[in-house]
Structure formats: structure tokens, C-alpha cells
């Protein structure tokens, strides 16, 4: 889903489905271990729970579209303003209820004056 060079100060933002509660949760956290070859689950364990999106953007903007046809609604969430940084074991904050018609993606900020970084 996301492969990046490990930088301990980087904040990870993740959106996942909590299948028991039928809701999307969002959390922001730092990786708190340097252990290698060990598996750490950072989303709530449970059947059907799965990661939808992850990013290391400092000010992530999540664009969400719900509904079909005439009932389409679009909303943008400024995640950094909604959710505080928490421990990686935390469940997270409820973003919205689950629906099959939900589509979401991270919006990329484009700054014309800033040259893209070759390495991060």
C-alpha cells in the first residue's frame, strides 16, 4: 500500500475499516519501534478489518465521495485538523459509517514553486 524510507519523525496517517462497527476509522501515529523481522498490526484486529489508505503527508487531505446517481455527495477532510497524533496501538477516530458506495483518495497539494523531491 505504501513503501517509504523509514524516518522516525514521520507521521503516518491511515484510514481503515472497522468491520465490527461498520465504520471507517482514521489515525495518525509514529512508528515507535526499531525491531526488525517482527510483525506489528497498527489497525484494530478482527475479521474483515482492512486498511484502505495510508500516507506520510504532513497535512493530508482526504477526498470522499458517497452515494450514486443524483445522491452523490463529495466532502474533503483535513485529517491533521481533525485527528491528533496517537500511539500506534490506538483504535483511531471515527471518520464515517461504512457504505459500499464510498470512494476515497488522498488529494495531492501542488505547489508550483516547489520542485519535487527526488528522495525522501
Protein backbone atom coordinates (compact mmCIF):
# COMPACT_ATOMS: atom_id res chain seq x y z
CA UNK A 1 0.00 0.00 0.00
CA UNK A 2 2.81 2.42 0.91
CA UNK A 3 6.56 1.85 0.86
CA UNK A 4 8.84 4.63 2.05
CA UNK A 5 12.23 5.05 3.65
CA UNK A 6 11.93 4.83 7.45
CA UNK A 7 12.20 8.25 9.06
CA UNK A 8 11.34 8.02 12.80
CA UNK A 9 9.86 11.54 12.91
CA UNK A 10 7.40 10.91 10.06
CA UNK A 11 3.74 10.72 10.98
CA UNK A 12 1.69 8.03 9.29
CA UNK A 13 -1.98 8.67 8.59
CA UNK A 14 -4.11 5.57 8.00
CA UNK A 15 -7.78 5.05 7.12
CA UNK A 16 -9.18 1.59 7.80
CA UNK A 17 -12.48 -0.26 8.00
CA UNK A 18 -13.61 -1.49 11.42
CA UNK A 19 -15.82 -4.32 10.19
CA UNK A 20 -17.44 -4.98 13.61
CA UNK A 21 -18.76 -1.43 13.92
CA UNK A 22 -19.15 -0.96 10.15
CA UNK A 23 -17.28 2.33 10.17
CA UNK A 24 -14.14 3.89 8.78
CA UNK A 25 -11.58 4.98 11.36
CA UNK A 26 -8.63 7.28 10.87
CA UNK A 27 -5.49 7.51 12.96
CA UNK A 28 -2.20 9.40 12.93
CA UNK A 29 0.85 7.89 14.60
CA UNK A 30 4.61 7.47 14.54
CA UNK A 31 6.38 4.14 14.28
CA UNK A 32 7.62 3.54 17.82
CA UNK A 33 9.91 0.56 17.30
CA UNK A 34 13.11 -0.26 15.51
CA UNK A 35 12.59 -4.04 15.74
CA UNK A 36 13.23 -5.86 12.51
CA UNK A 37 11.53 -9.02 11.22
CA UNK A 38 8.60 -8.61 13.63
CA UNK A 39 5.02 -8.05 12.54
CA UNK A 40 3.13 -5.16 14.18
CA UNK A 41 -0.54 -4.65 13.34
CA UNK A 42 -1.43 -0.97 13.55
CA UNK A 43 -5.13 -1.36 12.73
CA UNK A 44 -7.68 -2.97 15.03
CA UNK A 45 -7.54 -6.77 14.80
CA UNK A 46 -10.69 -8.54 13.65
CA UNK A 47 -12.17 -10.42 10.75
CA UNK A 48 -12.87 -8.13 7.81
CA UNK A 49 -10.88 -5.17 9.15
CA UNK A 50 -8.68 -3.79 6.41
CA UNK A 51 -6.53 -0.83 5.55
CA UNK A 52 -7.96 1.46 2.87
CA UNK A 53 -5.40 4.27 2.62
CA UNK A 54 -2.12 5.37 4.18
CA UNK A 55 0.11 8.39 3.68
CA UNK A 56 3.04 10.21 5.25
CA UNK A 57 1.92 13.66 4.06
CA UNK A 58 2.24 16.25 6.83
CA UNK A 59 -1.20 17.81 6.10
CA UNK A 60 -3.18 15.01 4.42
CA UNK A 61 -6.39 15.92 2.60
CA UNK A 62 -8.83 13.04 2.07
CA UNK A 63 -11.44 13.44 -0.70
CA UNK A 64 -14.51 11.25 -0.12
CA UNK A 65 -17.43 10.65 -2.46
CA UNK A 66 -20.57 8.87 -1.27
CA UNK A 67 -23.80 7.84 -2.98
CA UNK A 68 -24.73 7.12 -6.57
CA UNK A 69 -26.54 8.99 -9.34
CA UNK A 70 -28.39 12.07 -8.08
CA UNK A 71 -27.41 11.27 -4.48
CA UNK A 72 -23.67 11.84 -4.92
CA UNK A 73 -22.06 13.87 -2.14
CA UNK A 74 -18.43 14.98 -2.07
CA UNK A 75 -16.54 16.09 1.02
CA UNK A 76 -12.89 16.79 1.86
CA UNK A 77 -11.37 16.08 5.27
CA UNK A 78 -8.31 17.92 6.58
CA UNK A 79 -7.17 14.97 8.67
CA UNK A 80 -4.41 16.79 10.59
CA UNK A 81 -7.00 19.27 11.94
CA UNK A 82 -9.47 16.50 12.89
CA UNK A 83 -7.24 13.84 14.43
CA UNK A 84 -4.40 14.22 16.92
CA UNK A 85 -1.27 12.09 16.80
CA UNK A 86 -1.81 8.98 18.92
CA UNK A 87 0.01 5.78 19.77
CA UNK A 88 0.17 3.12 17.05
CA UNK A 89 -1.95 0.76 19.18
CA UNK A 90 -4.87 3.24 19.39
CA UNK A 91 -8.11 2.35 17.60
CA UNK A 92 -8.38 5.77 15.99
CA UNK A 93 -11.17 8.25 15.43
CA UNK A 94 -14.42 7.52 13.62
CA UNK A 95 -14.40 9.11 10.18
CA UNK A 96 -17.77 7.92 8.83
CA UNK A 97 -20.09 4.94 8.62
CA UNK A 98 -19.32 2.23 6.07
CA UNK A 99 -21.15 2.13 2.74
CA UNK A 100 -20.39 0.18 -0.42
CA UNK A 101 -20.72 3.38 -2.46
CA UNK A 102 -17.88 5.23 -0.70
CA UNK A 103 -14.86 6.19 -2.79
CA UNK A 104 -11.88 7.92 -1.17
CA UNK A 105 -8.44 9.09 -2.17
CA UNK A 106 -5.70 11.39 -0.91
CA UNK A 107 -5.52 14.74 -2.67
CA UNK A 108 -2.05 15.92 -3.52
CA UNK A 109 -1.19 19.57 -2.94
CA UNK A 110 0.69 21.04 -5.87
CA UNK A 111 2.96 23.98 -5.19
CA UNK A 112 4.22 25.44 -8.47
CA UNK A 113 7.31 26.94 -6.81
CA UNK A 114 8.41 23.74 -5.10
CA UNK A 115 10.43 21.24 -7.04
CA UNK A 116 9.52 17.60 -6.30
CA UNK A 117 11.96 15.78 -4.04
CA UNK A 118 13.94 13.02 -5.67
CA UNK A 119 14.43 11.16 -2.40
CA UNK A 120 12.54 11.42 0.86
